[in-house]
Amino acid sequence: MENLIKYDFVDKTQGTRYTALQFEKIGNVGHVFLDIPSGVSNTLNDGALLFNFPEKYRPKTFNLKIIISYSNGKTARTRYDANTGNLYILSKILVPESMYLDTFYFLD
């Protein structure tokens, strides 16, 4: 029960071009919040590194689409490398809109 109440947080926003890049964990459940402003999102090309999960916040698997705040429902596919903790974008966004990733995942 004790590790269920242990809460850890790390803010990696500083040094990025993002509005927010934050990681949290409670027990073996992780959470990532990513906010990429519209002025940055449309500059990301296929295969660009979005971020690296901090070591203690890395999921074993992570396969999600990033939601874009655009009325036509565009999404951006991602690829996660479990060996390095890197998350890459797989498709260029063709609209100048903000991108958000706000999700929970299992650490092990």
PDB file of N, CA and C in Angstrom:
ATOM      1  N   MET A   1       0.811  -1.196   0.000  1.00  0.00           N
ATOM      2  CA  MET A   1       0.000   0.000   0.000  1.00  0.00           C
ATOM      3  C   MET A   1       0.856   1.263   0.000  1.00  0.00           C
ATOM      4  N   GLU A   2       2.041   1.187   0.610  1.00  0.00           N
ATOM      5  CA  GLU A   2       2.853   2.394   0.732  1.00  0.00           C
ATOM      6  C   GLU A   2       3.291   2.947  -0.615  1.00  0.00           C
ATOM      7  N   ASN A   3       3.652   2.075  -1.568  1.00  0.00           N
ATOM      8  CA  ASN A   3       4.105   2.597  -2.863  1.00  0.00           C
ATOM      9  C   ASN A   3       2.943   3.109  -3.720  1.00  0.00           C
ATOM     10  N   LEU A   4       1.702   2.836  -3.340  1.00  0.00           N
ATOM     11  CA  LEU A   4       0.562   3.401  -4.054  1.00  0.00           C
ATOM     12  C   LEU A   4       0.372   4.878  -3.743  1.00  0.00           C
ATOM     13  N   ILE A   5       0.845   5.305  -2.578  1.00  0.00           N
ATOM     14  CA  ILE A   5       0.678   6.713  -2.215  1.00  0.00           C
ATOM     15  C   ILE A   5       1.925   7.540  -2.537  1.00  0.00           C
ATOM     16  N   LYS A   6       2.996   6.903  -2.979  1.00  0.00           N
ATOM     17  CA  LYS A   6       4.207   7.644  -3.343  1.00  0.00           C
ATOM     18  C   LYS A   6       3.983   8.359  -4.667  1.00  0.00           C
ATOM     19  N   TYR A   7       4.178   9.652  -4.666  1.00  0.00           N
ATOM     20  CA  TYR A   7       3.945  10.498  -5.840  1.00  0.00           C
ATOM     21  C   TYR A   7       5.247  11.157  -6.246  1.00  0.00           C
ATOM     22  N   ASP A   8       5.591  11.048  -7.522  1.00  0.00           N
ATOM     23  CA  ASP A   8       6.788  11.702  -8.058  1.00  0.00           C
ATOM     24  C   ASP A   8       6.386  12.552  -9.257  1.00  0.00           C
ATOM     25  N   PHE A   9       7.079  13.670  -9.409  1.00  0.00           N
ATOM     26  CA  PHE A   9       6.773  14.614 -10.485  1.00  0.00           C
ATOM     27  C   PHE A   9       8.075  15.199 -11.009  1.00  0.00           C
ATOM     28  N   VAL A  10       8.161  15.340 -12.325  1.00  0.00           N
ATOM     29  CA  VAL A  10       9.301  16.023 -12.925  1.00  0.00           C
ATOM     30  C   VAL A  10       8.781  16.889 -14.075  1.00  0.00           C
ATOM     31  N   ASP A  11       9.239  18.122 -14.101  1.00  0.00           N
ATOM     32  CA  ASP A  11       8.847  19.070 -15.147  1.00  0.00           C
ATOM     33  C   ASP A  11      10.046  19.273 -16.064  1.00  0.00           C
ATOM     34  N   LYS A  12       9.923  18.827 -17.306  1.00  0.00           N
ATOM     35  CA  LYS A  12      11.003  18.921 -18.294  1.00  0.00           C
ATOM     36  C   LYS A  12      10.739  20.018 -19.322  1.00  0.00           C
ATOM     37  N   THR A  13       9.827  20.942 -19.015  1.00  0.00           N
ATOM     38  CA  THR A  13       9.453  21.989 -19.968  1.00  0.00           C
ATOM     39  C   THR A  13      10.626  22.909 -20.296  1.00  0.00           C
ATOM     40  N   GLN A  14      11.375  23.299 -19.274  1.00  0.00           N
ATOM     41  CA  GLN A  14      12.490  24.220 -19.487  1.00  0.00           C
ATOM     42  C   GLN A  14      13.502  23.606 -20.448  1.00  0.00           C
ATOM     43  N   GLY A  15      13.939  24.369 -21.400  1.00  0.00           N
ATOM     44  CA  GLY A  15      14.894  23.903 -22.394  1.00  0.00           C
ATOM     45  C   GLY A  15      14.232  23.319 -23.639  1.00  0.00           C
ATOM     46  N   THR A  16      12.885  23.313 -23.660  1.00  0.00           N
ATOM     47  CA  THR A  16      12.161  22.856 -24.850  1.00  0.00           C
ATOM     48  C   THR A  16      11.469  24.055 -25.487  1.00  0.00           C
ATOM     49  N   ARG A  17      10.875  23.824 -26.648  1.00  0.00           N
ATOM     50  CA  ARG A  17      10.068  24.871 -27.285  1.00  0.00           C
ATOM     51  C   ARG A  17       8.584  24.654 -26.971  1.00  0.00           C
ATOM     52  N   TYR A  18       8.309  23.784 -26.011  1.00  0.00           N
ATOM     53  CA  TYR A  18       6.949  23.407 -25.667  1.00  0.00           C
ATOM     54  C   TYR A  18       6.383  24.282 -24.555  1.00  0.00           C
ATOM     55  N   THR A  19       5.055  24.311 -24.478  1.00  0.00           N
ATOM     56  CA  THR A  19       4.377  25.011 -23.398  1.00  0.00           C
ATOM     57  C   THR A  19       4.435  24.182 -22.123  1.00  0.00           C
ATOM     58  N   ALA A  20       4.391  22.855 -22.256  1.00  0.00           N
ATOM     59  CA  ALA A  20       4.485  21.963 -21.095  1.00  0.00           C
ATOM     60  C   ALA A  20       5.023  20.599 -21.518  1.00  0.00           C
ATOM     61  N   LEU A  21       5.886  20.022 -20.677  1.00  0.00           N
ATOM     62  CA  LEU A  21       6.350  18.648 -20.797  1.00  0.00           C
ATOM     63  C   LEU A  21       6.564  18.157 -19.372  1.00  0.00           C
ATOM     64  N   GLN A  22       5.562  17.450 -18.865  1.00  0.00           N
ATOM     65  CA  GLN A  22       5.561  17.066 -17.448  1.00  0.00           C
ATOM     66  C   GLN A  22       5.282  15.576 -17.301  1.00  0.00           C
ATOM     67  N   PHE A  23       5.956  14.971 -16.328  1.00  0.00           N
ATOM     68  CA  PHE A  23       5.802  13.548 -16.038  1.00  0.00           C
ATOM     69  C   PHE A  23       5.444  13.382 -14.564  1.00  0.00           C
ATOM     70  N   GLU A  24       4.546  12.439 -14.305  1.00  0.00           N
ATOM     71  CA  GLU A  24       4.148  12.108 -12.943  1.00  0.00           C
ATOM     72  C   GLU A  24       4.089  10.594 -12.827  1.00  0.00           C
ATOM     73  N   LYS A  25       4.209  10.100 -11.588  1.00  0.00           N
ATOM     74  CA  LYS A  25       3.966   8.686 -11.357  1.00  0.00           C
ATOM     75  C   LYS A  25       3.478   8.478  -9.935  1.00  0.00           C
ATOM     76  N   ILE A  26       2.556   7.536  -9.842  1.00  0.00           N
ATOM     77  CA  ILE A  26       2.031   7.075  -8.559  1.00  0.00           C
ATOM     78  C   ILE A  26       2.085   5.556  -8.627  1.00  0.00           C
ATOM     79  N   GLY A  27       2.912   4.953  -7.795  1.00  0.00           N
ATOM     80  CA  GLY A  27       3.099   3.513  -7.870  1.00  0.00           C
ATOM     81  C   GLY A  27       3.651   3.136  -9.230  1.00  0.00           C
ATOM     82  N   ASN A  28       2.987   2.214  -9.936  1.00  0.00           N
ATOM     83  CA  ASN A  28       3.457   1.807 -11.265  1.00  0.00           C
ATOM     84  C   ASN A  28       2.641   2.442 -12.393  1.00  0.00           C
ATOM     85  N   VAL A  29       1.950   3.535 -12.094  1.00  0.00           N
ATOM     86  CA  VAL A  29       1.180   4.258 -13.100  1.00  0.00           C
ATOM     87  C   VAL A  29       1.876   5.584 -13.401  1.00  0.00           C
ATOM     88  N   GLY A  30       2.192   5.785 -14.674  1.00  0.00           N
ATOM     89  CA  GLY A  30       2.821   7.032 -15.100  1.00  0.00           C
ATOM     90  C   GLY A  30       1.827   7.924 -15.811  1.00  0.00           C
ATOM     91  N   HIS A  31       2.165   9.193 -15.895  1.00  0.00           N
ATOM     92  CA  HIS A  31       1.336  10.168 -16.598  1.00  0.00           C
ATOM     93  C   HIS A  31       2.264  11.140 -17.318  1.00  0.00           C
ATOM     94  N   VAL A  32       1.941  11.448 -18.561  1.00  0.00           N
ATOM     95  CA  VAL A  32       2.695  12.446 -19.304  1.00  0.00           C
ATOM     96  C   VAL A  32       1.719  13.489 -19.833  1.00  0.00           C
ATOM     97  N   PHE A  33       2.132  14.747 -19.717  1.00  0.00           N
ATOM     98  CA  PHE A  33       1.371  15.849 -20.300  1.00  0.00           C
ATOM     99  C   PHE A  33       2.319  16.639 -21.185  1.00  0.00           C
ATOM    100  N   LEU A  34       1.972  16.730 -22.468  1.00  0.00           N
ATOM    101  CA  LEU A  34       2.766  17.443 -23.456  1.00  0.00           C
ATOM    102  C   LEU A  34       1.860  18.446 -24.155  1.00  0.00           C
ATOM    103  N   ASP A  35       2.298  19.687 -24.234  1.00  0.00           N
ATOM    104  CA  ASP A  35       1.560  20.744 -24.929  1.00  0.00           C
ATOM    105  C   ASP A  35       2.540  21.424 -25.876  1.00  0.00           C
ATOM    106  N   ILE A  36       2.314  21.222 -27.164  1.00  0.00           N
ATOM    107  CA  ILE A  36       3.177  21.815 -28.186  1.00  0.00           C
ATOM    108  C   ILE A  36       2.401  22.934 -28.854  1.00  0.00           C
ATOM    109  N   PRO A  37       2.864  24.183 -28.745  1.00  0.00           N
ATOM    110  CA  PRO A  37       2.123  25.294 -29.335  1.00  0.00           C
ATOM    111  C   PRO A  37       2.113  25.238 -30.864  1.00  0.00           C
ATOM    112  N   SER A  38       1.138  25.900 -31.451  1.00  0.00           N
ATOM    113  CA  SER A  38       0.952  25.848 -32.906  1.00  0.00           C
ATOM    114  C   SER A  38       2.172  26.343 -33.678  1.00  0.00           C
ATOM    115  N   GLY A  39       2.903  27.302 -33.145  1.00  0.00           N
ATOM    116  CA  GLY A  39       4.079  27.809 -33.831  1.00  0.00           C
ATOM    117  C   GLY A  39       5.214  26.806 -33.909  1.00  0.00           C
ATOM    118  N   VAL A  40       5.151  25.790 -33.073  1.00  0.00           N
ATOM    119  CA  VAL A  40       6.175  24.744 -33.064  1.00  0.00           C
ATOM    120  C   VAL A  40       5.682  23.486 -33.775  1.00  0.00           C
ATOM    121  N   SER A  41       4.411  23.146 -33.582  1.00  0.00           N
ATOM    122  CA  SER A  41       3.899  21.877 -34.101  1.00  0.00           C
ATOM    123  C   SER A  41       4.054  21.750 -35.614  1.00  0.00           C
ATOM    124  N   ASN A  42       3.837  22.839 -36.341  1.00  0.00           N
ATOM    125  CA  ASN A  42       3.936  22.727 -37.802  1.00  0.00           C
ATOM    126  C   ASN A  42       5.379  22.728 -38.304  1.00  0.00           C
ATOM    127  N   THR A  43       6.363  22.842 -37.413  1.00  0.00           N
ATOM    128  CA  THR A  43       7.769  22.751 -37.816  1.00  0.00           C
ATOM    129  C   THR A  43       8.331  21.356 -37.596  1.00  0.00           C
ATOM    130  N   LEU A  44       7.558  20.468 -36.971  1.00  0.00           N
ATOM    131  CA  LEU A  44       8.031  19.115 -36.689  1.00  0.00           C
ATOM    132  C   LEU A  44       7.894  18.246 -37.928  1.00  0.00           C
ATOM    133  N   ASN A  45       8.986  17.660 -38.367  1.00  0.00           N
ATOM    134  CA  ASN A  45       8.997  16.815 -39.555  1.00  0.00           C
ATOM    135  C   ASN A  45       8.874  15.350 -39.188  1.00  0.00           C
ATOM    136  N   ASP A  46       8.604  14.519 -40.189  1.00  0.00           N
ATOM    137  CA  ASP A  46       8.535  13.074 -39.990  1.00  0.00           C
ATOM    138  C   ASP A  46       9.806  12.581 -39.301  1.00  0.00           C
ATOM    139  N   GLY A  47       9.640  11.781 -38.255  1.00  0.00           N
ATOM    140  CA  GLY A  47      10.783  11.201 -37.558  1.00  0.00           C
ATOM    141  C   GLY A  47      11.411  12.102 -36.516  1.00  0.00           C
ATOM    142  N   ALA A  48      10.854  13.288 -36.279  1.00  0.00           N
ATOM    143  CA  ALA A  48      11.432  14.213 -35.292  1.00  0.00           C
ATOM    144  C   ALA A  48      11.261  13.666 -33.882  1.00  0.00           C
ATOM    145  N   LEU A  49      12.268  13.847 -33.053  1.00  0.00           N
ATOM    146  CA  LEU A  49      12.198  13.466 -31.644  1.00  0.00           C
ATOM    147  C   LEU A  49      11.294  14.455 -30.924  1.00  0.00           C
ATOM    148  N   LEU A  50      10.234  13.954 -30.300  1.00  0.00           N
ATOM    149  CA  LEU A  50       9.355  14.821 -29.508  1.00  0.00           C
ATOM    150  C   LEU A  50       9.916  15.021 -28.115  1.00  0.00           C
ATOM    151  N   PHE A  51      10.278  13.914 -27.459  1.00  0.00           N
ATOM    152  CA  PHE A  51      10.878  13.999 -26.135  1.00  0.00           C
ATOM    153  C   PHE A  51      11.435  12.648 -25.736  1.00  0.00           C
ATOM    154  N   ASN A  52      12.163  12.650 -24.633  1.00  0.00           N
ATOM    155  CA  ASN A  52      12.702  11.443 -24.031  1.00  0.00           C
ATOM    156  C   ASN A  52      12.057  11.283 -22.661  1.00  0.00           C
ATOM    157  N   PHE A  53      11.467  10.120 -22.417  1.00  0.00           N
ATOM    158  CA  PHE A  53      10.926   9.839 -21.094  1.00  0.00           C
ATOM    159  C   PHE A  53      12.077   9.781 -20.093  1.00  0.00           C
ATOM    160  N   PRO A  54      11.978  10.462 -18.953  1.00  0.00           N
ATOM    161  CA  PRO A  54      12.992  10.301 -17.912  1.00  0.00           C
ATOM    162  C   PRO A  54      13.061   8.825 -17.501  1.00  0.00           C
ATOM    163  N   GLU A  55      14.223   8.359 -17.126  1.00  0.00           N
ATOM    164  CA  GLU A  55      14.439   6.933 -16.894  1.00  0.00           C
ATOM    165  C   GLU A  55      13.415   6.302 -15.950  1.00  0.00           C
ATOM    166  N   LYS A  56      13.111   6.913 -14.851  1.00  0.00           N
ATOM    167  CA  LYS A  56      12.182   6.322 -13.880  1.00  0.00           C
ATOM    168  C   LYS A  56      10.723   6.480 -14.295  1.00  0.00           C
ATOM    169  N   TYR A  57      10.470   7.106 -15.432  1.00  0.00           N
ATOM    170  CA  TYR A  57       9.108   7.350 -15.926  1.00  0.00           C
ATOM    171  C   TYR A  57       8.855   6.638 -17.256  1.00  0.00           C
ATOM    172  N   ARG A  58       9.752   5.748 -17.653  1.00  0.00           N
ATOM    173  CA  ARG A  58       9.656   5.098 -18.966  1.00  0.00           C
ATOM    174  C   ARG A  58       8.680   3.931 -18.956  1.00  0.00           C
ATOM    175  N   PRO A  59       7.751   3.934 -19.896  1.00  0.00           N
ATOM    176  CA  PRO A  59       6.866   2.770 -20.041  1.00  0.00           C
ATOM    177  C   PRO A  59       7.572   1.647 -20.794  1.00  0.00           C
ATOM    178  N   LYS A  60       7.088   0.421 -20.617  1.00  0.00           N
ATOM    179  CA  LYS A  60       7.638  -0.676 -21.413  1.00  0.00           C
ATOM    180  C   LYS A  60       7.181  -0.537 -22.851  1.00  0.00           C
ATOM    181  N   THR A  61       5.917  -0.179 -23.049  1.00  0.00           N
ATOM    182  CA  THR A  61       5.384   0.077 -24.384  1.00  0.00           C
ATOM    183  C   THR A  61       4.583   1.366 -24.347  1.00  0.00           C
ATOM    184  N   PHE A  62       4.536   2.032 -25.474  1.00  0.00           N
ATOM    185  CA  PHE A  62       3.808   3.292 -25.548  1.00  0.00           C
ATOM    186  C   PHE A  62       3.452   3.524 -27.004  1.00  0.00           C
ATOM    187  N   ASN A  63       2.178   3.433 -27.336  1.00  0.00           N
ATOM    188  CA  ASN A  63       1.755   3.574 -28.721  1.00  0.00           C
ATOM    189  C   ASN A  63       0.479   4.396 -28.756  1.00  0.00           C
ATOM    190  N   LEU A  64       0.625   5.694 -28.869  1.00  0.00           N
ATOM    191  CA  LEU A  64      -0.528   6.583 -28.871  1.00  0.00           C
ATOM    192  C   LEU A  64      -0.436   7.578 -30.007  1.00  0.00           C
ATOM    193  N   LYS A  65      -1.569   8.151 -30.305  1.00  0.00           N
ATOM    194  CA  LYS A  65      -1.613   9.245 -31.266  1.00  0.00           C
ATOM    195  C   LYS A  65      -1.782  10.542 -30.498  1.00  0.00           C
ATOM    196  N   ILE A  66      -1.116  11.571 -30.941  1.00  0.00           N
ATOM    197  CA  ILE A  66      -1.235  12.887 -30.324  1.00  0.00           C
ATOM    198  C   ILE A  66      -2.430  13.590 -30.945  1.00  0.00           C
ATOM    199  N   ILE A  67      -3.218  14.234 -30.107  1.00  0.00           N
ATOM    200  CA  ILE A  67      -4.409  14.938 -30.576  1.00  0.00           C
ATOM    201  C   ILE A  67      -4.029  16.360 -30.957  1.00  0.00           C
ATOM    202  N   ILE A  68      -4.545  16.799 -32.086  1.00  0.00           N
ATOM    203  CA  ILE A  68      -4.295  18.153 -32.557  1.00  0.00           C
ATOM    204  C   ILE A  68      -5.578  18.948 -32.407  1.00  0.00           C
ATOM    205  N   SER A  69      -5.468  20.151 -31.894  1.00  0.00           N
ATOM    206  CA  SER A  69      -6.669  20.952 -31.642  1.00  0.00           C
ATOM    207  C   SER A  69      -7.176  21.582 -32.934  1.00  0.00           C
ATOM    208  N   TYR A  70      -7.660  20.755 -33.809  1.00  0.00           N
ATOM    209  CA  TYR A  70      -8.153  21.204 -35.102  1.00  0.00           C
ATOM    210  C   TYR A  70      -9.472  20.514 -35.370  1.00  0.00           C
ATOM    211  N   SER A  71     -10.405  21.225 -35.906  1.00  0.00           N
ATOM    212  CA  SER A  71     -11.768  20.701 -36.019  1.00  0.00           C
ATOM    213  C   SER A  71     -11.924  19.505 -36.955  1.00  0.00           C
ATOM    214  N   ASN A  72     -10.954  19.229 -37.810  1.00  0.00           N
ATOM    215  CA  ASN A  72     -11.111  18.088 -38.711  1.00  0.00           C
ATOM    216  C   ASN A  72     -10.625  16.777 -38.090  1.00  0.00           C
ATOM    217  N   GLY A  73     -10.186  16.796 -36.830  1.00  0.00           N
ATOM    218  CA  GLY A  73      -9.825  15.572 -36.133  1.00  0.00           C
ATOM    219  C   GLY A  73      -8.484  14.983 -36.506  1.00  0.00           C
ATOM    220  N   LYS A  74      -7.559  15.781 -36.982  1.00  0.00           N
ATOM    221  CA  LYS A  74      -6.224  15.293 -37.339  1.00  0.00           C
ATOM    222  C   LYS A  74      -5.528  14.727 -36.101  1.00  0.00           C
ATOM    223  N   THR A  75      -4.735  13.683 -36.305  1.00  0.00           N
ATOM    224  CA  THR A  75      -3.903  13.134 -35.250  1.00  0.00           C
ATOM    225  C   THR A  75      -2.503  12.922 -35.798  1.00  0.00           C
ATOM    226  N   ALA A  76      -1.549  12.801 -34.901  1.00  0.00           N
ATOM    227  CA  ALA A  76      -0.169  12.546 -35.300  1.00  0.00           C
ATOM    228  C   ALA A  76       0.253  11.209 -34.709  1.00  0.00           C
ATOM    229  N   ARG A  77       0.695  10.296 -35.566  1.00  0.00           N
ATOM    230  CA  ARG A  77       1.176   9.007 -35.074  1.00  0.00           C
ATOM    231  C   ARG A  77       2.556   9.175 -34.440  1.00  0.00           C
ATOM    232  N   THR A  78       2.826   8.342 -33.439  1.00  0.00           N
ATOM    233  CA  THR A  78       4.117   8.388 -32.763  1.00  0.00           C
ATOM    234  C   THR A  78       4.751   7.001 -32.763  1.00  0.00           C
ATOM    235  N   ARG A  79       6.059   6.972 -32.497  1.00  0.00           N
ATOM    236  CA  ARG A  79       6.789   5.709 -32.321  1.00  0.00           C
ATOM    237  C   ARG A  79       7.644   5.842 -31.071  1.00  0.00           C
ATOM    238  N   TYR A  80       7.538   4.860 -30.197  1.00  0.00           N
ATOM    239  CA  TYR A  80       8.290   4.845 -28.946  1.00  0.00           C
ATOM    240  C   TYR A  80       9.403   3.816 -29.030  1.00  0.00           C
ATOM    241  N   ASP A  81      10.615   4.212 -28.648  1.00  0.00           N
ATOM    242  CA  ASP A  81      11.757   3.311 -28.591  1.00  0.00           C
ATOM    243  C   ASP A  81      11.998   2.964 -27.123  1.00  0.00           C
ATOM    244  N   ALA A  82      11.634   1.748 -26.723  1.00  0.00           N
ATOM    245  CA  ALA A  82      11.735   1.341 -25.325  1.00  0.00           C
ATOM    246  C   ALA A  82      13.190   1.271 -24.845  1.00  0.00           C
ATOM    247  N   ASN A  83      14.139   1.093 -25.750  1.00  0.00           N
ATOM    248  CA  ASN A  83      15.552   1.017 -25.362  1.00  0.00           C
ATOM    249  C   ASN A  83      16.101   2.372 -24.932  1.00  0.00           C
ATOM    250  N   THR A  84      15.647   3.436 -25.576  1.00  0.00           N
ATOM    251  CA  THR A  84      16.181   4.766 -25.279  1.00  0.00           C
ATOM    252  C   THR A  84      15.205   5.652 -24.520  1.00  0.00           C
ATOM    253  N   GLY A  85      13.904   5.314 -24.565  1.00  0.00           N
ATOM    254  CA  GLY A  85      12.882   6.162 -23.958  1.00  0.00           C
ATOM    255  C   GLY A  85      12.471   7.317 -24.857  1.00  0.00           C
ATOM    256  N   ASN A  86      12.900   7.308 -26.112  1.00  0.00           N
ATOM    257  CA  ASN A  86      12.573   8.388 -27.049  1.00  0.00           C
ATOM    258  C   ASN A  86      11.195   8.186 -27.672  1.00  0.00           C
ATOM    259  N   LEU A  87      10.468   9.290 -27.841  1.00  0.00           N
ATOM    260  CA  LEU A  87       9.190   9.277 -28.543  1.00  0.00           C
ATOM    261  C   LEU A  87       9.334  10.153 -29.778  1.00  0.00           C
ATOM    262  N   TYR A  88       9.040   9.575 -30.951  1.00  0.00           N
ATOM    263  CA  TYR A  88       9.192  10.254 -32.231  1.00  0.00           C
ATOM    264  C   TYR A  88       7.829  10.500 -32.866  1.00  0.00           C
ATOM    265  N   ILE A  89       7.723  11.557 -33.640  1.00  0.00           N
ATOM    266  CA  ILE A  89       6.522  11.795 -34.435  1.00  0.00           C
ATOM    267  C   ILE A  89       6.751  11.152 -35.802  1.00  0.00           C
ATOM    268  N   LEU A  90       5.730  10.471 -36.316  1.00  0.00           N
ATOM    269  CA  LEU A  90       5.896   9.745 -37.577  1.00  0.00           C
ATOM    270  C   LEU A  90       5.296  10.446 -38.778  1.00  0.00           C
ATOM    271  N   SER A  91       4.507  11.471 -38.544  1.00  0.00           N
ATOM    272  CA  SER A  91       3.889  12.153 -39.682  1.00  0.00           C
ATOM    273  C   SER A  91       3.854  13.656 -39.428  1.00  0.00           C
ATOM    274  N   LYS A  92       4.249  14.401 -40.426  1.00  0.00           N
ATOM    275  CA  LYS A  92       4.263  15.864 -40.328  1.00  0.00           C
ATOM    276  C   LYS A  92       2.830  16.384 -40.213  1.00  0.00           C
ATOM    277  N   ILE A  93       2.651  17.382 -39.381  1.00  0.00           N
ATOM    278  CA  ILE A  93       1.351  18.007 -39.205  1.00  0.00           C
ATOM    279  C   ILE A  93       1.218  19.097 -40.264  1.00  0.00           C
ATOM    280  N   LEU A  94       0.140  19.060 -40.993  1.00  0.00           N
ATOM    281  CA  LEU A  94      -0.024  19.993 -42.106  1.00  0.00           C
ATOM    282  C   LEU A  94      -0.868  21.210 -41.737  1.00  0.00           C
ATOM    283  N   VAL A  95      -1.288  21.311 -40.495  1.00  0.00           N
ATOM    284  CA  VAL A  95      -2.071  22.459 -40.050  1.00  0.00           C
ATOM    285  C   VAL A  95      -1.358  23.114 -38.874  1.00  0.00           C
ATOM    286  N   PRO A  96      -1.347  24.442 -38.801  1.00  0.00           N
ATOM    287  CA  PRO A  96      -0.659  25.135 -37.704  1.00  0.00           C
ATOM    288  C   PRO A  96      -1.532  25.187 -36.449  1.00  0.00           C
ATOM    289  N   GLU A  97      -1.668  24.056 -35.778  1.00  0.00           N
ATOM    290  CA  GLU A  97      -2.478  23.971 -34.572  1.00  0.00           C
ATOM    291  C   GLU A  97      -1.664  23.370 -33.437  1.00  0.00           C
ATOM    292  N   SER A  98      -2.090  23.624 -32.220  1.00  0.00           N
ATOM    293  CA  SER A  98      -1.433  23.053 -31.052  1.00  0.00           C
ATOM    294  C   SER A  98      -1.617  21.539 -31.019  1.00  0.00           C
ATOM    295  N   MET A  99      -0.673  20.859 -30.363  1.00  0.00           N
ATOM    296  CA  MET A  99      -0.738  19.409 -30.199  1.00  0.00           C
ATOM    297  C   MET A  99      -0.701  19.095 -28.716  1.00  0.00           C
ATOM    298  N   TYR A 100      -1.493  18.089 -28.300  1.00  0.00           N
ATOM    299  CA  TYR A 100      -1.561  17.717 -26.897  1.00  0.00           C
ATOM    300  C   TYR A 100      -1.431  16.213 -26.735  1.00  0.00           C
ATOM    301  N   LEU A 101      -0.712  15.814 -25.722  1.00  0.00           N
ATOM    302  CA  LEU A 101      -0.652  14.426 -25.295  1.00  0.00           C
ATOM    303  C   LEU A 101      -0.841  14.454 -23.787  1.00  0.00           C
ATOM    304  N   ASP A 102      -1.917  13.877 -23.319  1.00  0.00           N
ATOM    305  CA  ASP A 102      -2.264  13.878 -21.893  1.00  0.00           C
ATOM    306  C   ASP A 102      -2.792  12.497 -21.567  1.00  0.00           C
ATOM    307  N   THR A 103      -1.909  11.605 -21.083  1.00  0.00           N
ATOM    308  CA  THR A 103      -2.325  10.215 -20.901  1.00  0.00           C
ATOM    309  C   THR A 103      -1.620   9.541 -19.738  1.00  0.00           C
ATOM    310  N   PHE A 104      -2.268   8.505 -19.251  1.00  0.00           N
ATOM    311  CA  PHE A 104      -1.697   7.630 -18.219  1.00  0.00           C
ATOM    312  C   PHE A 104      -1.213   6.361 -18.889  1.00  0.00           C
ATOM    313  N   TYR A 105      -0.225   5.703 -18.263  1.00  0.00           N
ATOM    314  CA  TYR A 105       0.332   4.465 -18.802  1.00  0.00           C
ATOM    315  C   TYR A 105       0.949   3.673 -17.653  1.00  0.00           C
ATOM    316  N   PHE A 106       1.197   2.396 -17.890  1.00  0.00           N
ATOM    317  CA  PHE A 106       1.824   1.541 -16.877  1.00  0.00           C
ATOM    318  C   PHE A 106       3.333   1.554 -17.049  1.00  0.00           C
ATOM    319  N   LEU A 107       4.028   1.604 -15.917  1.00  0.00           N
ATOM    320  CA  LEU A 107       5.486   1.639 -15.943  1.00  0.00           C
ATOM    321  C   LEU A 107       6.082   0.237 -16.077  1.00  0.00           C
ATOM    322  N   ASP A 108       5.445  -0.755 -15.515  1.00  0.00           N
ATOM    323  CA  ASP A 108       5.945  -2.140 -15.650  1.00  0.00           C
ATOM    324  C   ASP A 108       4.820  -3.128 -15.627  1.00  0.00           C
TER     325      ASP A 108
END
